[in-house]
Protein backbone atom coordinates (compact mmCIF):
# COMPACT_ATOMS: atom_id res chain seq x y z
CA MET A 1 -49.44 32.56 31.37
CA VAL A 2 -49.68 36.00 29.74
CA TRP A 3 -50.63 37.64 33.04
CA ARG A 4 -47.91 35.75 34.92
CA ASP A 5 -45.20 37.03 32.57
CA ALA A 6 -46.55 40.59 32.36
CA ARG A 7 -44.73 43.47 34.04
CA ASP A 8 -47.97 45.10 35.21
CA LYS A 9 -49.62 42.73 37.66
CA ARG A 10 -52.47 44.95 38.74
CA LEU A 11 -55.68 42.98 39.21
CA LYS A 12 -59.13 43.81 40.55
CA PRO A 13 -60.96 41.39 42.89
CA LEU A 14 -63.90 41.08 40.47
CA ASP A 15 -61.50 40.08 37.69
CA ALA A 16 -59.92 37.42 39.91
CA LEU A 17 -63.34 36.05 40.83
CA ALA A 18 -64.32 35.95 37.15
CA ILE A 19 -61.19 33.92 36.43
CA TYR A 20 -62.16 31.48 39.19
CA ALA A 21 -65.68 31.14 37.78
CA LEU A 22 -64.20 30.17 34.42
CA LYS A 23 -61.36 28.05 35.79
CA THR A 24 -62.78 25.95 38.62
CA ALA A 25 -66.58 26.11 38.51
CA PRO A 26 -66.90 24.15 35.22
CA ALA A 27 -65.32 21.08 36.83
CA PHE A 28 -67.98 21.04 39.55
CA GLU A 29 -70.71 21.74 36.99
CA ALA A 30 -69.62 18.87 34.76
CA ALA A 31 -69.57 16.41 37.67
CA LEU A 32 -73.00 17.48 38.92
CA TYR A 33 -74.52 17.53 35.44
CA CYS A 34 -73.24 14.04 34.66
CA GLY A 35 -74.65 12.73 37.93
CA ALA A 36 -78.02 14.34 37.30
CA ARG A 37 -78.13 12.99 33.75
CA LEU A 38 -77.31 9.47 34.93
CA ALA A 39 -80.05 9.79 37.53
CA GLY A 40 -82.44 10.62 34.71
CA SER A 41 -83.42 14.13 35.79
CA LEU A 42 -82.18 17.46 34.47
CA ASP A 43 -85.01 19.52 35.96
CA ASP A 44 -82.57 21.37 38.23
CA ALA A 45 -79.79 21.85 35.65
CA GLU A 46 -79.78 25.67 35.94
CA ILE A 47 -79.71 25.53 39.73
CA LEU A 48 -76.84 23.07 39.57
CA ARG A 49 -74.96 25.40 37.22
CA GLN A 50 -75.31 28.32 39.62
CA PHE A 51 -74.47 26.07 42.58
CA ALA A 52 -71.30 24.88 40.81
CA ARG A 53 -70.28 28.48 40.14
CA HIS A 54 -70.54 29.47 43.81
CA VAL A 55 -68.81 26.32 45.06
CA GLY A 56 -66.09 26.60 42.43
CA VAL A 57 -65.29 30.22 43.27
CA ALA A 58 -65.31 29.52 47.02
CA PHE A 59 -63.11 26.46 46.52
CA GLN A 60 -60.52 28.49 44.61
CA ILE A 61 -60.45 31.25 47.24
CA LEU A 62 -59.99 28.56 49.88
CA ASN A 63 -57.14 27.16 47.80
CA ASP A 64 -55.53 30.62 47.85
CA LEU A 65 -55.82 30.72 51.64
CA ASN A 66 -54.38 27.22 51.90
CA ASP A 67 -51.40 28.42 49.89
CA TRP A 68 -50.31 30.18 53.07
CA HIS A 69 -50.82 27.11 55.31
CA GLU A 70 -48.56 24.41 53.80
CA ASP A 71 -51.60 22.12 53.83
CA SER A 72 -50.71 18.54 52.95
CA HIS A 73 -53.25 18.30 50.09
CA ASN A 74 -52.24 21.59 48.48
CA LYS A 75 -48.49 22.19 48.34
CA LEU A 76 -45.46 22.19 50.62
CA ALA A 77 -44.27 25.78 50.22
CA ALA A 78 -46.24 28.68 51.68
CA GLY A 79 -47.13 31.70 49.59
CA THR A 80 -45.76 30.35 46.31
CA ASP A 81 -48.74 31.61 44.28
CA SER A 82 -47.70 35.18 45.09
CA VAL A 83 -44.08 34.97 44.03
CA GLY A 84 -45.04 32.66 41.17
CA GLY A 85 -47.02 35.46 39.55
CA ARG A 86 -50.45 33.81 39.67
CA PRO A 87 -53.57 36.02 39.53
CA THR A 88 -55.19 35.32 42.88
CA VAL A 89 -57.97 37.13 44.70
CA LEU A 90 -55.61 37.62 47.66
CA TRP A 91 -53.27 39.60 45.43
CA ALA A 92 -56.18 41.64 44.05
CA LEU A 93 -57.55 42.37 47.53
CA ALA A 94 -54.12 43.53 48.66
CA LEU A 95 -53.77 45.93 45.72
CA GLU A 96 -57.26 47.24 46.41
CA GLY A 97 -56.70 47.72 50.14
CA LEU A 98 -53.19 49.16 50.24
CA ALA A 99 -52.05 52.75 49.88
CA THR A 100 -50.33 53.61 46.59
CA SER A 101 -46.82 53.40 48.03
CA HIS A 102 -47.49 49.96 49.49
CA GLN A 103 -49.07 48.83 46.22
CA GLU A 104 -45.84 49.70 44.44
CA GLU A 105 -43.86 47.86 47.11
CA LEU A 106 -46.01 44.75 46.64
CA LEU A 107 -45.65 44.87 42.86
CA GLY A 108 -41.89 45.22 43.20
CA LEU A 109 -41.65 42.09 45.33
CA VAL A 110 -42.59 39.83 42.40
CA HIS A 111 -40.42 41.46 39.76
CA ASP A 112 -36.68 42.05 40.05
CA ASP A 113 -36.31 42.12 43.83
CA PRO A 114 -32.91 40.52 44.54
CA ARG A 115 -33.79 39.38 48.06
CA PRO A 116 -34.25 35.68 48.85
CA VAL A 117 -37.71 34.21 48.32
CA THR A 118 -38.22 33.77 52.06
CA GLU A 119 -37.70 37.48 52.74
CA ARG A 120 -39.99 38.52 49.92
CA LEU A 121 -42.71 36.13 51.09
CA GLU A 122 -42.49 37.50 54.61
CA GLN A 123 -42.93 41.05 53.31
CA ILE A 124 -45.85 40.00 51.08
CA ARG A 125 -47.46 38.40 54.14
CA ARG A 126 -47.05 41.63 56.12
CA LEU A 127 -48.64 43.64 53.33
CA TYR A 128 -51.49 41.13 53.04
CA GLN A 129 -52.11 41.38 56.78
CA GLN A 130 -51.95 45.17 56.61
CA ALA A 131 -54.66 45.15 53.94
CA GLY A 132 -56.79 42.62 55.87
CA VAL A 133 -56.56 40.24 52.92
CA PHE A 134 -56.96 36.94 54.78
CA GLU A 135 -60.05 38.09 56.68
CA LYS A 136 -61.63 39.49 53.52
CA ALA A 137 -60.96 36.26 51.64
CA GLU A 138 -62.51 34.16 54.42
CA ALA A 139 -65.57 36.44 54.31
CA LEU A 140 -65.83 35.81 50.56
CA VAL A 141 -65.70 32.05 51.14
CA ASP A 142 -68.55 32.40 53.64
CA LYS A 143 -70.58 34.50 51.19
CA TYR A 144 -70.27 32.05 48.32
CA GLN A 145 -70.88 29.13 50.67
CA GLN A 146 -74.13 30.72 51.85
CA ARG A 147 -75.23 31.32 48.26
CA ALA A 148 -74.53 27.69 47.40
CA ALA A 149 -76.46 26.52 50.48
CA ALA A 150 -79.47 28.65 49.52
CA LEU A 151 -79.49 27.07 46.06
CA ALA A 152 -79.22 23.59 47.58
CA ASP A 153 -82.25 24.35 49.74
CA SER A 154 -84.24 25.29 46.63
CA ILE A 155 -83.84 21.79 45.16
CA THR A 156 -87.05 19.76 45.39
CA SER A 157 -85.36 16.36 45.72
CA PRO A 158 -84.39 15.64 49.37
CA GLU A 159 -81.67 13.25 48.21
CA LEU A 160 -80.07 15.83 45.94
CA GLN A 161 -80.40 18.46 48.67
CA ARG A 162 -78.44 16.25 51.06
CA LEU A 163 -75.80 15.57 48.43
CA LEU A 164 -75.27 19.26 47.69
CA HIS A 165 -75.04 20.16 51.38
CA TYR A 166 -72.56 17.33 51.88
CA LEU A 167 -70.51 18.69 48.99
CA ILE A 168 -70.47 22.16 50.55
CA GLU A 169 -69.40 20.82 53.94
CA SER A 170 -66.69 18.55 52.60
CA VAL A 171 -65.21 20.83 49.93
CA LEU A 172 -65.47 24.25 51.58
CA GLU A 173 -64.00 23.56 54.99
CA LEU A 174 -61.95 26.53 56.22
CA PRO A 175 -58.65 25.71 57.95
CA SER A 176 -59.12 25.31 61.69
CA GLY A 177 -57.21 24.16 64.73
CA PRO A 178 -53.68 24.94 65.89
CA ASP A 179 -52.13 24.49 62.43
CA ALA A 180 -54.41 26.99 60.75
CA SER A 181 -52.89 30.17 62.17
CA LEU A 182 -51.35 32.50 59.63
CA ALA A 183 -48.99 33.68 62.36
CA LYS A 184 -47.15 30.39 62.74
CA PRO A 185 -43.74 29.68 61.16
CA ALA A 186 -43.88 28.48 57.58
CA ILE A 187 -41.61 26.26 55.57
CA CYS A 188 -40.57 27.76 52.27
CA ILE A 189 -38.80 25.58 49.75
CA GLU A 190 -36.33 27.60 47.68
CA ARG A 191 -35.59 26.70 44.08
CA THR A 192 -32.55 24.78 45.30
CA GLY A 193 -34.93 22.41 47.11
CA SER A 194 -33.63 23.24 50.58
CA GLU A 195 -36.11 23.98 53.33
CA LYS A 196 -35.95 27.18 55.36
CA GLU A 197 -38.10 28.24 58.26
CA TYR A 198 -39.00 31.88 58.71
CA PRO A 199 -41.27 33.70 61.15
CA ARG A 200 -44.67 34.91 60.07
């Protein structure tokens, strides 16, 4: 909340990833720990903690990417995390990858820019694409997914190994198919509730 309302929205990718580790990973850790405790074995508790961290971070990055896809399980409006002032790794990667003048332009788009939300989102998308944000974020998902898989392979129980790999495959599925393109038209719902289509 403090960051969302702050005037200075500069953020480093490592800071965004640290937020994700604290925000999302504990939910996965709690679920895995409870399951292991009920099964009567906590021998792999530390591995499960590390596994949950990697899956949680990757899941949150994937959620950021889905924010630009209008996925049915996420939200209806594309790009709302950006204009909503949320500290995402996409935002941090853009600030890291853009020239100073474009950084200032990006920061201005979430402050007092009088243009409609749809126009601001389109410009944010262009700046994200210019900085290679979407590709970098997908590479991060792959990296954390590989780390989680390596930890799953280190588990001695074949049953738990299969469960962890199933979790990776089901939770960390990147968007694919014809609806996954970030170049397709998006529906943005303005605060009035009306739908508008704009080109990406």
